[in-house]
Amino acid sequence: MLIAEELYLLLTKDTGTPERPGTQRGYGLSAALIADLVLAGRVALTEEKRPRVTVGTTTPTGDPVLDFGLDRLASHSGKRLDRLVTSSRLNPEEVVVASLVQKGVLSLGDRTMLGLGKPRTPEADSRPERELRGRLAAVLAGASAPTPADATLLSVLQALGVAPKILAAESGGMRARELKARIAAVVEHSPTGESVDRAIQAMNSAMMTAVIIPIVVSGGSSG
């Protein structure tokens, strides 16, 4: 399962609605999609402080989610990562949902907001998320080494500010500050390749910028 698909499961209740309304889920899914493409060897990040995303080949992979990302990034090769993460055009939510429905993990329910909102996506098979959460619990407890997907998921959840809520059970009773430190340690010492490690670190920085700036602007204008 792709990182973007796993992230969607973590950010969505079993009943098919967001775990926490107001979360910048689109930013997280876009970041996860770019991470998936880095791991697939289809895109790379430059070594600048504010890295740019470069697209290698746009030859279809056969995976609808990855191919969606390649198609959307094809004309944006060379753009900065933080700009792409906040681009609504790159948000893969619809294709991620379609993929998970096709795999039998989710089903499509009625629409929210009196029929005007997005369809609910209740779980049809709870096993994938249970296994995912068990994996993350083991990583946070130090019982198993993190995969690139684990490090990316934890980093994105922390950047979105939802890690304590989403991982309440998996964190083993850690307080928010303790969990933040543990996630930072996991990401820093993740046994990934250098390029992947740099991508995760850059993604975390881009996500923090994407999430914090709107909050600051909103807070400043509300007064």
C-alpha atoms as a PDB file:
ATOM      1  CA  MET A   1       0.000   0.000   0.000  1.00  0.00           C
ATOM      2  CA  LEU A   2       1.289   3.486  -0.840  1.00  0.00           C
ATOM      3  CA  ILE A   3       2.179   6.030   1.839  1.00  0.00           C
ATOM      4  CA  ALA A   4      -0.584   8.317   0.560  1.00  0.00           C
ATOM      5  CA  GLU A   5      -3.119   5.503   0.957  1.00  0.00           C
ATOM      6  CA  GLU A   6      -1.927   4.667   4.462  1.00  0.00           C
ATOM      7  CA  LEU A   7      -2.052   8.329   5.453  1.00  0.00           C
ATOM      8  CA  TYR A   8      -5.643   8.604   4.238  1.00  0.00           C
ATOM      9  CA  LEU A   9      -6.616   5.659   6.464  1.00  0.00           C
ATOM     10  CA  LEU A  10      -4.954   7.260   9.487  1.00  0.00           C
ATOM     11  CA  LEU A  11      -6.632  10.625   8.899  1.00  0.00           C
ATOM     12  CA  THR A  12     -10.101   9.119   8.395  1.00  0.00           C
ATOM     13  CA  LYS A  13     -12.438   7.573  10.962  1.00  0.00           C
ATOM     14  CA  ASP A  14     -13.741   4.049  10.472  1.00  0.00           C
ATOM     15  CA  THR A  15     -17.114   5.633   9.708  1.00  0.00           C
ATOM     16  CA  GLY A  16     -15.614   7.533   6.775  1.00  0.00           C
ATOM     17  CA  THR A  17     -15.340  11.106   8.052  1.00  0.00           C
ATOM     18  CA  PRO A  18     -12.139  13.037   8.876  1.00  0.00           C
ATOM     19  CA  GLU A  19     -10.526  12.175  12.204  1.00  0.00           C
ATOM     20  CA  ARG A  20     -10.078  15.846  12.959  1.00  0.00           C
ATOM     21  CA  PRO A  21     -12.021  18.525  11.028  1.00  0.00           C
ATOM     22  CA  GLY A  22      -9.841  21.396   9.872  1.00  0.00           C
ATOM     23  CA  THR A  23      -6.735  19.268   9.342  1.00  0.00           C
ATOM     24  CA  GLN A  24      -4.893  20.206   6.154  1.00  0.00           C
ATOM     25  CA  ARG A  25      -5.362  16.662   4.877  1.00  0.00           C
ATOM     26  CA  GLY A  26      -4.730  17.698   1.275  1.00  0.00           C
ATOM     27  CA  TYR A  27      -1.264  19.035   2.131  1.00  0.00           C
ATOM     28  CA  GLY A  28      -0.409  15.799   3.895  1.00  0.00           C
ATOM     29  CA  LEU A  29      -1.632  13.628   1.022  1.00  0.00           C
ATOM     30  CA  SER A  30       0.316  15.709  -1.508  1.00  0.00           C
ATOM     31  CA  ALA A  31       3.488  15.374   0.562  1.00  0.00           C
ATOM     32  CA  ALA A  32       2.926  11.624   0.927  1.00  0.00           C
ATOM     33  CA  LEU A  33       2.393  11.284  -2.824  1.00  0.00           C
ATOM     34  CA  ILE A  34       5.686  13.025  -3.558  1.00  0.00           C
ATOM     35  CA  ALA A  35       7.387  10.705  -1.059  1.00  0.00           C
ATOM     36  CA  ASP A  36       5.858   7.717  -2.861  1.00  0.00           C
ATOM     37  CA  LEU A  37       7.238   8.999  -6.158  1.00  0.00           C
ATOM     38  CA  VAL A  38      10.691   9.527  -4.614  1.00  0.00           C
ATOM     39  CA  LEU A  39      10.679   5.945  -3.328  1.00  0.00           C
ATOM     40  CA  ALA A  40       9.535   4.749  -6.765  1.00  0.00           C
ATOM     41  CA  GLY A  41      12.525   6.526  -8.295  1.00  0.00           C
ATOM     42  CA  ARG A  42      10.322   8.728 -10.477  1.00  0.00           C
ATOM     43  CA  VAL A  43      11.092  12.106  -8.905  1.00  0.00           C
ATOM     44  CA  ALA A  44      14.017  13.527  -6.943  1.00  0.00           C
ATOM     45  CA  LEU A  45      14.641  16.554  -4.745  1.00  0.00           C
ATOM     46  CA  THR A  46      17.488  18.990  -5.269  1.00  0.00           C
ATOM     47  CA  GLU A  47      19.929  19.601  -2.426  1.00  0.00           C
ATOM     48  CA  GLU A  48      18.933  23.223  -1.792  1.00  0.00           C
ATOM     49  CA  LYS A  49      17.625  24.505   1.533  1.00  0.00           C
ATOM     50  CA  ARG A  50      14.248  24.871  -0.181  1.00  0.00           C
ATOM     51  CA  PRO A  51      14.486  21.889  -2.548  1.00  0.00           C
ATOM     52  CA  ARG A  52      12.911  21.664  -5.952  1.00  0.00           C
ATOM     53  CA  VAL A  53      11.148  18.593  -7.284  1.00  0.00           C
ATOM     54  CA  THR A  54      12.552  17.207 -10.513  1.00  0.00           C
ATOM     55  CA  VAL A  55      10.703  14.612 -12.568  1.00  0.00           C
ATOM     56  CA  GLY A  56      12.743  11.836 -14.161  1.00  0.00           C
ATOM     57  CA  THR A  57      10.470   9.875 -16.471  1.00  0.00           C
ATOM     58  CA  THR A  58       6.719  10.202 -16.881  1.00  0.00           C
ATOM     59  CA  THR A  59       6.313   6.681 -18.259  1.00  0.00           C
ATOM     60  CA  PRO A  60       3.205   5.255 -16.552  1.00  0.00           C
ATOM     61  CA  THR A  61       3.840   2.989 -13.575  1.00  0.00           C
ATOM     62  CA  GLY A  62       0.542   1.134 -13.781  1.00  0.00           C
ATOM     63  CA  ASP A  63      -0.473   2.419 -10.349  1.00  0.00           C
ATOM     64  CA  PRO A  64      -3.307   4.979 -10.672  1.00  0.00           C
ATOM     65  CA  VAL A  65      -2.170   7.055  -7.695  1.00  0.00           C
ATOM     66  CA  LEU A  66       1.469   7.294  -8.794  1.00  0.00           C
ATOM     67  CA  ASP A  67       0.454   7.970 -12.385  1.00  0.00           C
ATOM     68  CA  PHE A  68      -1.851  10.753 -11.212  1.00  0.00           C
ATOM     69  CA  GLY A  69       1.113  12.338  -9.447  1.00  0.00           C
ATOM     70  CA  LEU A  70       3.406  11.982 -12.446  1.00  0.00           C
ATOM     71  CA  ASP A  71       0.807  13.530 -14.733  1.00  0.00           C
ATOM     72  CA  ARG A  72       0.278  16.505 -12.430  1.00  0.00           C
ATOM     73  CA  LEU A  73       4.014  17.027 -11.824  1.00  0.00           C
ATOM     74  CA  ALA A  74       5.063  16.665 -15.454  1.00  0.00           C
ATOM     75  CA  SER A  75       4.614  20.360 -16.205  1.00  0.00           C
ATOM     76  CA  HIS A  76       5.912  21.456 -12.791  1.00  0.00           C
ATOM     77  CA  SER A  77       9.337  19.826 -12.760  1.00  0.00           C
ATOM     78  CA  GLY A  78      11.788  22.189 -11.098  1.00  0.00           C
ATOM     79  CA  LYS A  79       9.232  23.858  -8.825  1.00  0.00           C
ATOM     80  CA  ARG A  80       9.883  24.164  -5.117  1.00  0.00           C
ATOM     81  CA  LEU A  81       8.621  21.408  -2.875  1.00  0.00           C
ATOM     82  CA  ASP A  82       6.816  23.751  -0.476  1.00  0.00           C
ATOM     83  CA  ARG A  83       4.844  25.260  -3.372  1.00  0.00           C
ATOM     84  CA  LEU A  84       3.828  21.855  -4.708  1.00  0.00           C
ATOM     85  CA  VAL A  85       2.703  20.542  -1.312  1.00  0.00           C
ATOM     86  CA  THR A  86       0.141  23.344  -1.077  1.00  0.00           C
ATOM     87  CA  SER A  87      -1.075  23.012  -4.685  1.00  0.00           C
ATOM     88  CA  SER A  88      -4.663  21.805  -4.854  1.00  0.00           C
ATOM     89  CA  ARG A  89      -3.908  20.302  -8.275  1.00  0.00           C
ATOM     90  CA  LEU A  90      -1.554  17.772  -6.709  1.00  0.00           C
ATOM     91  CA  ASN A  91      -3.958  16.686  -3.940  1.00  0.00           C
ATOM     92  CA  PRO A  92      -4.557  12.985  -4.721  1.00  0.00           C
ATOM     93  CA  GLU A  93      -7.491  12.443  -2.374  1.00  0.00           C
ATOM     94  CA  GLU A  94     -10.021  11.390  -5.020  1.00  0.00           C
ATOM     95  CA  VAL A  95      -7.701   8.928  -6.750  1.00  0.00           C
ATOM     96  CA  VAL A  96      -6.491   7.574  -3.381  1.00  0.00           C
ATOM     97  CA  VAL A  97     -10.096   6.928  -2.332  1.00  0.00           C
ATOM     98  CA  ALA A  98     -10.851   5.280  -5.675  1.00  0.00           C
ATOM     99  CA  SER A  99      -7.801   3.042  -5.292  1.00  0.00           C
ATOM    100  CA  LEU A 100      -8.734   1.997  -1.748  1.00  0.00           C
ATOM    101  CA  VAL A 101     -12.319   1.308  -2.820  1.00  0.00           C
ATOM    102  CA  GLN A 102     -11.059  -0.800  -5.725  1.00  0.00           C
ATOM    103  CA  LYS A 103      -8.850  -2.766  -3.300  1.00  0.00           C
ATOM    104  CA  GLY A 104     -11.843  -3.414  -1.045  1.00  0.00           C
ATOM    105  CA  VAL A 105     -10.399  -1.442   1.875  1.00  0.00           C
ATOM    106  CA  LEU A 106     -13.004   1.351   1.744  1.00  0.00           C
ATOM    107  CA  SER A 107     -16.545   1.723   0.474  1.00  0.00           C
ATOM    108  CA  LEU A 108     -18.373   4.822  -0.680  1.00  0.00           C
ATOM    109  CA  GLY A 109     -21.141   6.050   1.597  1.00  0.00           C
ATOM    110  CA  ASP A 110     -23.570   8.952   1.516  1.00  0.00           C
ATOM    111  CA  ARG A 111     -22.384  12.516   1.117  1.00  0.00           C
ATOM    112  CA  THR A 112     -21.775  14.782   4.100  1.00  0.00           C
ATOM    113  CA  MET A 113     -23.274  18.261   4.608  1.00  0.00           C
ATOM    114  CA  LEU A 114     -26.842  17.226   3.708  1.00  0.00           C
ATOM    115  CA  GLY A 115     -25.688  15.608   0.499  1.00  0.00           C
ATOM    116  CA  LEU A 116     -23.572  18.540  -0.690  1.00  0.00           C
ATOM    117  CA  GLY A 117     -20.201  17.473   0.700  1.00  0.00           C
ATOM    118  CA  LYS A 118     -17.792  14.677  -0.126  1.00  0.00           C
ATOM    119  CA  PRO A 119     -18.945  11.060   0.121  1.00  0.00           C
ATOM    120  CA  ARG A 120     -18.126   9.302   3.372  1.00  0.00           C
ATOM    121  CA  THR A 121     -15.592   6.528   2.960  1.00  0.00           C
ATOM    122  CA  PRO A 122     -16.299   3.927   5.674  1.00  0.00           C
ATOM    123  CA  GLU A 123     -13.887   1.029   6.044  1.00  0.00           C
ATOM    124  CA  ALA A 124     -14.943  -2.167   4.314  1.00  0.00           C
ATOM    125  CA  ASP A 125     -11.871  -4.047   5.583  1.00  0.00           C
ATOM    126  CA  SER A 126     -10.332  -2.894   8.857  1.00  0.00           C
ATOM    127  CA  ARG A 127      -7.313  -5.223   8.683  1.00  0.00           C
ATOM    128  CA  PRO A 128      -4.969  -2.925   6.678  1.00  0.00           C
ATOM    129  CA  GLU A 129      -5.352  -0.050   9.145  1.00  0.00           C
ATOM    130  CA  ARG A 130      -5.004  -2.380  12.141  1.00  0.00           C
ATOM    131  CA  GLU A 131      -1.760  -3.756  10.716  1.00  0.00           C
ATOM    132  CA  LEU A 132      -0.548  -0.242   9.912  1.00  0.00           C
ATOM    133  CA  ARG A 133      -1.224   0.995  13.429  1.00  0.00           C
ATOM    134  CA  GLY A 134       0.456  -2.060  14.892  1.00  0.00           C
ATOM    135  CA  ARG A 135       3.518  -1.326  12.772  1.00  0.00           C
ATOM    136  CA  LEU A 136       3.685   2.293  13.915  1.00  0.00           C
ATOM    137  CA  ALA A 137       3.177   1.278  17.552  1.00  0.00           C
ATOM    138  CA  ALA A 138       6.161  -1.074  17.289  1.00  0.00           C
ATOM    139  CA  VAL A 139       8.286   1.677  15.742  1.00  0.00           C
ATOM    140  CA  LEU A 140       7.369   4.209  18.426  1.00  0.00           C
ATOM    141  CA  ALA A 141       8.110   1.644  21.142  1.00  0.00           C
ATOM    142  CA  GLY A 142      11.500   0.905  19.592  1.00  0.00           C
ATOM    143  CA  ALA A 143      10.526  -2.712  18.963  1.00  0.00           C
ATOM    144  CA  SER A 144      11.115  -2.521  15.211  1.00  0.00           C
ATOM    145  CA  ALA A 145      13.109  -0.368  12.820  1.00  0.00           C
ATOM    146  CA  PRO A 146      11.116   2.183  10.812  1.00  0.00           C
ATOM    147  CA  THR A 147      10.680   1.816   7.084  1.00  0.00           C
ATOM    148  CA  PRO A 148      10.797   4.920   4.832  1.00  0.00           C
ATOM    149  CA  ALA A 149       6.979   4.787   4.837  1.00  0.00           C
ATOM    150  CA  ASP A 150       6.860   4.743   8.649  1.00  0.00           C
ATOM    151  CA  ALA A 151       9.222   7.706   8.938  1.00  0.00           C
ATOM    152  CA  THR A 152       7.264   9.659   6.339  1.00  0.00           C
ATOM    153  CA  LEU A 153       3.884   8.949   7.952  1.00  0.00           C
ATOM    154  CA  LEU A 154       5.087   9.958  11.406  1.00  0.00           C
ATOM    155  CA  SER A 155       6.734  13.084  10.036  1.00  0.00           C
ATOM    156  CA  VAL A 156       3.609  14.187   8.164  1.00  0.00           C
ATOM    157  CA  LEU A 157       1.306  13.517  11.130  1.00  0.00           C
ATOM    158  CA  GLN A 158       3.614  15.563  13.369  1.00  0.00           C
ATOM    159  CA  ALA A 159       3.802  18.405  10.838  1.00  0.00           C
ATOM    160  CA  LEU A 160       0.002  18.482  10.587  1.00  0.00           C
ATOM    161  CA  GLY A 161      -0.200  18.756  14.367  1.00  0.00           C
ATOM    162  CA  VAL A 162      -2.398  15.671  14.721  1.00  0.00           C
ATOM    163  CA  ALA A 163       0.083  13.001  15.863  1.00  0.00           C
ATOM    164  CA  PRO A 164      -1.051  12.971  19.545  1.00  0.00           C
ATOM    165  CA  LYS A 165      -4.696  12.447  18.552  1.00  0.00           C
ATOM    166  CA  ILE A 166      -4.191  10.058  15.646  1.00  0.00           C
ATOM    167  CA  LEU A 167      -1.589   7.982  17.508  1.00  0.00           C
ATOM    168  CA  ALA A 168      -3.150   8.152  20.990  1.00  0.00           C
ATOM    169  CA  ALA A 169      -3.193   4.371  21.372  1.00  0.00           C
ATOM    170  CA  GLU A 170      -0.001   3.665  19.420  1.00  0.00           C
ATOM    171  CA  SER A 171       2.098   6.146  21.423  1.00  0.00           C
ATOM    172  CA  GLY A 172       1.716   4.102  24.600  1.00  0.00           C
ATOM    173  CA  GLY A 173       0.635   7.021  26.774  1.00  0.00           C
ATOM    174  CA  MET A 174       3.342   9.471  25.683  1.00  0.00           C
ATOM    175  CA  ARG A 175       2.556  13.121  26.215  1.00  0.00           C
ATOM    176  CA  ALA A 176       2.535  15.384  23.162  1.00  0.00           C
ATOM    177  CA  ARG A 177       6.032  16.681  23.835  1.00  0.00           C
ATOM    178  CA  GLU A 178       7.391  13.171  24.372  1.00  0.00           C
ATOM    179  CA  LEU A 179       5.742  11.933  21.198  1.00  0.00           C
ATOM    180  CA  LYS A 180       7.155  14.842  19.215  1.00  0.00           C
ATOM    181  CA  ALA A 181      10.663  14.027  20.460  1.00  0.00           C
ATOM    182  CA  ARG A 182      10.202  10.342  19.715  1.00  0.00           C
ATOM    183  CA  ILE A 183       9.013  11.027  16.164  1.00  0.00           C
ATOM    184  CA  ALA A 184      11.950  13.384  15.597  1.00  0.00           C
ATOM    185  CA  ALA A 185      14.323  10.634  16.754  1.00  0.00           C
ATOM    186  CA  VAL A 186      12.658   8.045  14.514  1.00  0.00           C
ATOM    187  CA  VAL A 187      12.933  10.304  11.474  1.00  0.00           C
ATOM    188  CA  GLU A 188      16.522  11.314  12.249  1.00  0.00           C
ATOM    189  CA  HIS A 189      17.747   7.748  12.721  1.00  0.00           C
ATOM    190  CA  SER A 190      15.610   6.109  10.061  1.00  0.00           C
ATOM    191  CA  PRO A 191      17.769   3.557   8.185  1.00  0.00           C
ATOM    192  CA  THR A 192      16.812   4.903   4.773  1.00  0.00           C
ATOM    193  CA  GLY A 193      19.021   5.803   1.854  1.00  0.00           C
ATOM    194  CA  GLU A 194      20.538   9.272   1.861  1.00  0.00           C
ATOM    195  CA  SER A 195      18.259  10.601  -0.868  1.00  0.00           C
ATOM    196  CA  VAL A 196      15.149   9.234   0.838  1.00  0.00           C
ATOM    197  CA  ASP A 197      16.246  10.559   4.220  1.00  0.00           C
ATOM    198  CA  ARG A 198      16.818  14.010   2.716  1.00  0.00           C
ATOM    199  CA  ALA A 199      13.408  13.832   1.068  1.00  0.00           C
ATOM    200  CA  ILE A 200      11.697  13.034   4.384  1.00  0.00           C
ATOM    201  CA  GLN A 201      13.489  15.888   6.153  1.00  0.00           C
ATOM    202  CA  ALA A 202      12.626  18.298   3.340  1.00  0.00           C
ATOM    203  CA  MET A 203       9.020  17.108   3.334  1.00  0.00           C
ATOM    204  CA  ASN A 204       8.752  17.760   7.056  1.00  0.00           C
ATOM    205  CA  SER A 205      10.082  21.294   6.632  1.00  0.00           C
ATOM    206  CA  ALA A 206       7.731  21.984   3.710  1.00  0.00           C
ATOM    207  CA  MET A 207       4.779  20.598   5.646  1.00  0.00           C
ATOM    208  CA  MET A 208       5.553  22.734   8.693  1.00  0.00           C
ATOM    209  CA  THR A 209       5.660  25.821   6.470  1.00  0.00           C
ATOM    210  CA  ALA A 210       2.448  24.854   4.691  1.00  0.00           C
ATOM    211  CA  VAL A 211       0.518  24.293   7.918  1.00  0.00           C
ATOM    212  CA  ILE A 212       1.954  27.033  10.141  1.00  0.00           C
ATOM    213  CA  ILE A 213       1.778  29.964   7.705  1.00  0.00           C
ATOM    214  CA  PRO A 214      -2.031  29.749   7.178  1.00  0.00           C
ATOM    215  CA  ILE A 215      -2.511  29.550  10.954  1.00  0.00           C
ATOM    216  CA  VAL A 216      -0.328  32.618  11.531  1.00  0.00           C
ATOM    217  CA  VAL A 217      -2.055  34.587   8.766  1.00  0.00           C
ATOM    218  CA  SER A 218      -5.495  33.602  10.056  1.00  0.00           C
ATOM    219  CA  GLY A 219      -4.553  34.487  13.611  1.00  0.00           C
ATOM    220  CA  GLY A 220      -3.182  37.844  12.564  1.00  0.00           C
ATOM    221  CA  SER A 221      -6.265  38.761  10.568  1.00  0.00           C
ATOM    222  CA  SER A 222      -8.732  37.698  13.233  1.00  0.00           C
ATOM    223  CA  GLY A 223      -7.745  40.468  15.534  1.00  0.00           C
END
